Amino acid sequence: MRATREGVAEKVVLPGPASKELGESIARRLSLPLLPYEVKVFPDGETRLRFEEKVSGKTVLIVQSTYPPPDQNLFQLLLASHRLSQEGAKVHAVVPYLAYARQDKEFVAGEVVSLGVVSHLLRSGGVSRLTTVDIHSAEGLSLFAIPVYSVSAIPSLVSYVKKNFKLNQPVVVAPDFGGSKRSEAFASLLQAMFVQLSKKRDRVTGQVKVESSKLEVKGRDVLIVDDIISTGGTVRAAGIVLREAGAARVIAVCSHPLLVDDAMEKLGSEGIRDVVGTNTVPSEVSKVDVSEAIAEHLKTVTE
């Protein structure tokens, strides 16, 4: 698909090794061609990438999520962006799940602000623009010296819940203050009551404690909405509080279902058997496709 206006570069999509299906879906929605490449991961974990097609003067949309293993997936993105920018392409990184976004400040003295390092690496590696989905905190956007935009998966998640669950007096719960705006938006679209819990995390041990004042959830269906479910500790702790308050059913909803180790077992042990996530991270609960939401945003980017 070549430019119809002077000064607008031809665009192609590179579906990275970590996001091939999602990248191909975005390309179809945008009616853009795919950029072919060869990839090989050696036994020691090193990646070899090779491109044959000329990209000078083109804009390449690299779709590469950085879920576990985050370092490998991030480095593959950097390898591709560096080479393509060297060849004269303008690189727009589409990173549906952006690793290290939770470390966007120095929580404990001496900590590395990891997201700041990722920002520097992306820019140094030739990325000129970044699109992600539901970044952990909007404050993290300020760490980037390139244009960056966080697409919301909330409307897509709400649509899925409406179509697939028959809810009884639903209550939407934010497990902590940090995710309250996201959860409140979900509640508004679902036309449900909104409640915010209080979470305390030990920055040394990582242990999570969730507290709340009186909860009016007895006999009602509750949806815990968060951006990431990693080990499941936060959602599990919230589930315990909600069960004790008499919730009839607890459903976990998230943008990025990392679900590391035995997260699903932890949730199931507290009766949280319904978990809904998006395909920013491939998993058994990645039921919501974000390709449309991402594509709609990319249509607005004319550079």
Protein backbone atom coordinates (compact mmCIF):
# COMPACT_ATOMS: atom_id res chain seq x y z
CA MET A 1 0.00 0.00 0.00
CA ARG A 2 1.87 3.06 -1.21
CA ALA A 3 1.34 6.62 -0.11
CA THR A 4 -1.38 8.63 -1.82
CA ARG A 5 -0.10 11.92 -0.39
CA GLU A 6 3.33 13.39 -0.90
CA GLY A 7 5.56 12.97 2.13
CA VAL A 8 3.68 10.00 3.62
CA ALA A 9 5.84 6.89 3.64
CA GLU A 10 4.76 3.44 2.60
CA LYS A 11 3.97 1.31 5.63
CA VAL A 12 4.67 -2.37 6.25
CA VAL A 13 4.11 -4.56 9.29
CA LEU A 14 6.72 -6.80 10.88
CA PRO A 15 4.99 -9.37 13.14
CA GLY A 16 7.75 -10.07 15.65
CA PRO A 17 8.55 -13.60 16.87
CA ALA A 18 6.59 -13.00 20.09
CA SER A 19 3.47 -11.58 18.41
CA LYS A 20 3.13 -13.19 14.98
CA GLU A 21 -0.63 -13.77 15.08
CA LEU A 22 -1.41 -10.40 16.62
CA GLY A 23 0.88 -8.62 14.15
CA GLU A 24 -0.70 -10.39 11.19
CA SER A 25 -4.17 -9.46 12.46
CA ILE A 26 -3.18 -5.79 12.77
CA ALA A 27 -1.76 -5.87 9.23
CA ARG A 28 -5.03 -7.30 7.86
CA ARG A 29 -7.08 -4.63 9.61
CA LEU A 30 -4.84 -1.93 8.15
CA SER A 31 -4.59 -3.60 4.72
CA LEU A 32 -0.80 -3.41 4.97
CA PRO A 33 1.76 -5.91 3.62
CA LEU A 34 3.96 -7.98 5.90
CA LEU A 35 7.73 -7.60 5.96
CA PRO A 36 9.31 -11.06 5.56
CA TYR A 37 12.24 -12.04 7.74
CA GLU A 38 14.15 -15.05 9.00
CA VAL A 39 14.55 -15.74 12.69
CA LYS A 40 16.57 -18.38 14.50
CA VAL A 41 17.03 -18.81 18.24
CA PHE A 42 20.20 -20.74 19.02
CA PRO A 43 20.43 -23.33 21.83
CA ASP A 44 22.17 -20.77 24.06
CA GLY A 45 19.25 -18.33 23.67
CA GLU A 46 20.83 -15.90 21.21
CA THR A 47 18.64 -14.69 18.34
CA ARG A 48 19.62 -14.25 14.70
CA LEU A 49 17.43 -12.06 12.48
CA ARG A 50 17.81 -11.55 8.76
CA PHE A 51 15.96 -9.23 6.36
CA GLU A 52 16.09 -9.35 2.55
CA GLU A 53 13.51 -6.77 1.49
CA LYS A 54 14.59 -3.13 1.09
CA VAL A 55 12.94 -0.79 3.61
CA SER A 56 14.59 2.56 2.88
CA GLY A 57 11.99 5.33 3.07
CA LYS A 58 9.31 3.06 4.54
CA THR A 59 7.66 3.09 7.94
CA VAL A 60 7.91 -0.32 9.60
CA LEU A 61 5.42 -1.20 12.31
CA ILE A 62 7.20 -3.80 14.46
CA VAL A 63 4.62 -5.69 16.53
CA GLN A 64 6.47 -7.38 19.38
CA SER A 65 5.10 -7.94 22.88
CA THR A 66 7.64 -8.30 25.68
CA TYR A 67 5.99 -10.86 27.95
CA PRO A 68 8.19 -13.59 29.53
CA PRO A 69 10.96 -14.07 28.70
CA PRO A 70 10.94 -10.25 28.67
CA ASP A 71 14.66 -9.76 28.06
CA GLN A 72 14.69 -12.03 24.99
CA ASN A 73 11.57 -10.49 23.48
CA LEU A 74 12.80 -6.96 24.16
CA PHE A 75 16.20 -7.70 22.66
CA GLN A 76 14.61 -9.19 19.53
CA LEU A 77 12.70 -5.93 19.15
CA LEU A 78 15.93 -3.96 19.52
CA LEU A 79 17.75 -6.14 16.98
CA ALA A 80 15.01 -5.61 14.42
CA SER A 81 14.58 -1.89 15.02
CA HIS A 82 18.32 -1.22 14.90
CA ARG A 83 18.82 -3.03 11.61
CA LEU A 84 15.73 -1.57 9.92
CA SER A 85 16.53 1.99 11.02
CA GLN A 86 20.09 1.52 9.73
CA GLU A 87 18.58 0.56 6.37
CA GLY A 88 16.66 3.85 6.23
CA ALA A 89 13.27 2.84 7.65
CA LYS A 90 11.28 4.79 10.20
CA VAL A 91 10.49 2.36 13.01
CA HIS A 92 7.22 2.48 14.92
CA ALA A 93 7.32 -0.10 17.71
CA VAL A 94 3.95 -1.59 18.62
CA VAL A 95 4.54 -3.30 21.96
CA PRO A 96 1.17 -4.57 23.24
CA TYR A 97 2.61 -5.64 26.60
CA LEU A 98 5.51 -3.42 27.65
CA ALA A 99 7.82 -5.15 30.12
CA TYR A 100 9.37 -3.18 33.02
CA ALA A 101 6.55 -0.61 32.96
CA ARG A 102 5.82 -1.30 36.65
CA GLN A 103 9.28 0.01 37.61
CA ASP A 104 8.62 3.59 36.50
CA LYS A 105 10.08 5.22 39.61
CA GLU A 106 12.51 4.56 42.44
CA PHE A 107 10.24 2.90 45.01
CA VAL A 108 13.14 1.91 47.28
CA ALA A 109 16.39 3.86 47.50
CA GLY A 110 18.98 2.54 45.07
CA GLU A 111 16.53 0.89 42.65
CA VAL A 112 17.02 1.24 38.92
CA VAL A 113 14.12 2.95 37.14
CA SER A 114 13.86 0.12 34.63
CA LEU A 115 11.28 1.75 32.36
CA GLY A 116 13.63 4.69 31.88
CA VAL A 117 16.33 2.27 30.72
CA VAL A 118 13.89 0.60 28.30
CA SER A 119 12.95 4.03 26.94
CA HIS A 120 16.61 4.83 26.32
CA LEU A 121 17.27 1.48 24.66
CA LEU A 122 14.31 1.80 22.30
CA ARG A 123 15.32 5.28 21.20
CA SER A 124 18.97 4.29 20.84
CA GLY A 125 17.88 1.20 18.90
CA GLY A 126 16.19 3.27 16.22
CA VAL A 127 12.58 3.38 17.43
CA SER A 128 11.01 6.74 16.58
CA ARG A 129 7.49 6.10 17.95
CA LEU A 130 5.94 3.67 20.43
CA THR A 131 2.42 2.32 20.83
CA THR A 132 1.52 0.06 23.74
CA VAL A 133 -1.64 -1.17 25.46
CA ASP A 134 -2.70 -0.17 28.98
CA ILE A 135 0.69 0.89 30.29
CA HIS A 136 0.87 0.23 34.04
CA SER A 137 0.87 3.92 34.96
CA ALA A 138 0.37 7.01 32.83
CA GLU A 139 3.29 8.55 34.73
CA GLY A 140 5.58 6.15 32.87
CA LEU A 141 4.81 7.88 29.58
CA SER A 142 6.84 10.88 30.72
CA LEU A 143 10.02 8.78 30.68
CA PHE A 144 9.99 8.58 26.88
CA ALA A 145 11.70 11.11 24.64
CA ILE A 146 9.82 9.78 21.59
CA PRO A 147 6.07 9.99 20.87
CA VAL A 148 4.31 7.26 22.86
CA TYR A 149 0.65 6.31 23.14
CA SER A 150 -1.13 3.80 25.36
CA VAL A 151 -4.20 2.22 23.75
CA SER A 152 -7.01 1.25 26.14
CA ALA A 153 -8.24 -2.35 26.08
CA ILE A 154 -11.06 -1.53 28.51
CA PRO A 155 -13.84 -1.07 25.90
CA SER A 156 -12.95 -4.43 24.30
CA LEU A 157 -12.88 -6.17 27.69
CA VAL A 158 -16.24 -4.68 28.68
CA SER A 159 -17.77 -5.78 25.37
CA TYR A 160 -16.56 -9.34 25.96
CA VAL A 161 -17.92 -9.44 29.50
CA LYS A 162 -21.31 -8.14 28.38
CA LYS A 163 -21.58 -10.80 25.70
CA ASN A 164 -20.32 -13.77 27.71
CA PHE A 165 -21.47 -13.30 31.30
CA LYS A 166 -24.93 -12.96 32.79
CA LEU A 167 -24.16 -10.74 35.74
CA ASN A 168 -26.18 -10.26 38.92
CA GLN A 169 -25.93 -6.68 40.23
CA PRO A 170 -22.30 -6.40 39.14
CA VAL A 171 -19.71 -4.54 41.18
CA VAL A 172 -16.38 -3.53 39.64
CA VAL A 173 -13.43 -3.52 42.03
CA ALA A 174 -10.02 -1.87 41.72
CA PRO A 175 -7.53 -3.84 43.85
CA ASP A 176 -5.55 -0.68 44.59
CA PHE A 177 -5.45 3.07 44.01
CA GLY A 178 -3.01 2.82 41.09
CA GLY A 179 -5.52 1.01 38.90
CA SER A 180 -8.60 2.91 40.04
CA LYS A 181 -9.04 5.05 36.93
CA ARG A 182 -8.88 2.00 34.67
CA SER A 183 -11.35 0.08 36.82
CA GLU A 184 -13.65 3.07 37.17
CA ALA A 185 -13.78 3.43 33.38
CA PHE A 186 -14.67 -0.27 33.15
CA ALA A 187 -17.48 0.22 35.70
CA SER A 188 -18.82 3.23 33.83
CA LEU A 189 -19.02 1.36 30.52
CA LEU A 190 -20.57 -1.65 32.24
CA GLN A 191 -22.95 0.64 34.17
CA ALA A 192 -21.96 -1.05 37.41
CA MET A 193 -21.09 0.07 40.93
CA PHE A 194 -17.42 0.83 41.53
CA VAL A 195 -15.35 0.03 44.65
CA GLN A 196 -11.67 0.64 45.36
CA LEU A 197 -9.70 -1.55 47.74
CA SER A 198 -6.51 -0.63 49.55
CA LYS A 199 -3.37 -2.63 48.75
CA LYS A 200 -0.13 -2.68 50.66
CA ARG A 201 2.92 -4.38 49.15
CA ASP A 202 6.11 -5.10 51.03
CA ARG A 203 8.74 -3.76 48.64
CA VAL A 204 11.31 -6.18 50.00
CA THR A 205 9.38 -9.46 50.22
CA GLY A 206 6.75 -8.67 47.58
CA GLN A 207 3.93 -9.85 49.87
CA VAL A 208 0.55 -8.23 49.21
CA LYS A 209 -2.15 -7.36 51.72
CA VAL A 210 -5.53 -6.06 50.58
CA GLU A 211 -7.85 -4.23 52.94
CA SER A 212 -11.20 -2.49 52.68
CA SER A 213 -13.88 -0.89 54.74
CA LYS A 214 -17.41 -2.27 54.61
CA LEU A 215 -18.20 -3.75 51.19
CA GLU A 216 -21.73 -3.95 49.80
CA VAL A 217 -21.19 -7.02 47.63
CA LYS A 218 -23.24 -9.70 49.38
CA GLY A 219 -24.94 -11.93 46.82
CA ARG A 220 -23.55 -9.86 43.92
CA ASP A 221 -21.15 -10.69 41.08
CA VAL A 222 -17.82 -8.90 41.44
CA LEU A 223 -15.28 -8.15 38.72
CA ILE A 224 -11.72 -7.40 39.84
CA VAL A 225 -10.20 -5.27 37.07
CA ASP A 226 -6.43 -4.77 36.81
CA ASP A 227 -3.86 -4.15 34.09
CA ILE A 228 -1.64 -7.17 34.86
CA ILE A 229 -2.13 -10.53 36.52
CA SER A 230 1.36 -11.90 37.08
CA THR A 231 1.62 -14.28 40.04
CA GLY A 232 -2.02 -13.72 40.95
CA GLY A 233 -1.15 -12.53 44.46
CA THR A 234 -3.03 -9.22 44.31
CA VAL A 235 -6.17 -10.67 42.74
CA ARG A 236 -6.13 -13.63 45.13
CA ALA A 237 -5.85 -11.33 48.16
CA ALA A 238 -8.70 -9.18 46.83
CA GLY A 239 -10.75 -12.32 46.19
CA ILE A 240 -10.39 -13.41 49.81
CA VAL A 241 -11.68 -10.04 51.05
CA LEU A 242 -14.60 -10.11 48.61
CA ARG A 243 -15.57 -13.68 49.45
CA GLU A 244 -15.55 -12.81 53.14
CA ALA A 245 -17.86 -9.91 52.34
CA GLY A 246 -20.32 -12.31 50.72
CA ALA A 247 -19.69 -11.91 46.97
CA ALA A 248 -21.59 -14.54 44.98
CA ARG A 249 -19.01 -14.84 42.19
CA VAL A 250 -15.63 -13.22 41.62
CA ILE A 251 -14.35 -12.70 38.07
CA ALA A 252 -10.83 -11.47 37.31
CA VAL A 253 -10.37 -9.20 34.27
CA CYS A 254 -7.04 -7.90 33.02
CA SER A 255 -5.30 -6.51 29.97
CA HIS A 256 -2.10 -8.55 30.35
CA PRO A 257 -2.52 -12.15 31.62
CA LEU A 258 1.09 -13.09 32.39
CA LEU A 259 -0.07 -15.85 34.77
CA VAL A 260 3.41 -16.96 35.79
CA ASP A 261 4.10 -20.09 37.81
CA ASP A 262 0.93 -21.40 39.45
CA ALA A 263 -1.13 -18.20 39.20
CA MET A 264 -4.25 -19.92 37.88
CA GLU A 265 -4.13 -22.47 40.71
CA LYS A 266 -3.81 -19.66 43.26
CA LEU A 267 -6.86 -17.92 41.85
CA GLY A 268 -8.85 -21.13 41.60
CA SER A 269 -8.11 -21.93 45.25
CA GLU A 270 -10.10 -18.83 46.18
CA GLY A 271 -12.95 -19.65 43.83
CA ILE A 272 -11.81 -17.28 41.05
CA ARG A 273 -12.25 -19.62 38.10
CA ASP A 274 -13.38 -17.02 35.56
CA VAL A 275 -10.35 -15.08 34.30
CA VAL A 276 -10.50 -12.88 31.21
CA GLY A 277 -7.47 -11.33 29.52
CA THR A 278 -6.43 -9.99 26.12
CA ASN A 279 -4.05 -11.37 23.53
CA THR A 280 -1.31 -8.84 24.33
CA VAL A 281 0.03 -11.95 26.08
CA PRO A 282 -0.85 -15.40 24.69
CA SER A 283 -2.40 -17.57 27.42
CA GLU A 284 -5.30 -19.89 28.15
CA VAL A 285 -7.43 -16.88 29.16
CA SER A 286 -6.46 -14.52 26.30
CA LYS A 287 -10.03 -14.26 25.03
CA VAL A 288 -10.15 -10.62 23.95
CA ASP A 289 -8.51 -9.50 20.70
CA VAL A 290 -6.90 -6.05 20.89
CA SER A 291 -5.89 -5.90 17.22
CA GLU A 292 -8.89 -3.74 16.33
CA ALA A 293 -8.22 -1.22 19.10
CA ILE A 294 -4.54 -1.00 18.12
CA ALA A 295 -5.34 -0.72 14.41
CA GLU A 296 -7.86 2.08 15.01
CA HIS A 297 -5.20 4.08 16.81
CA LEU A 298 -2.57 3.39 14.15
CA LYS A 299 -4.96 4.76 11.52
CA THR A 300 -4.70 8.15 13.23
CA VAL A 301 -0.89 8.21 12.98
CA THR A 302 -0.01 9.85 9.69
CA GLU A 303 3.79 10.11 10.05
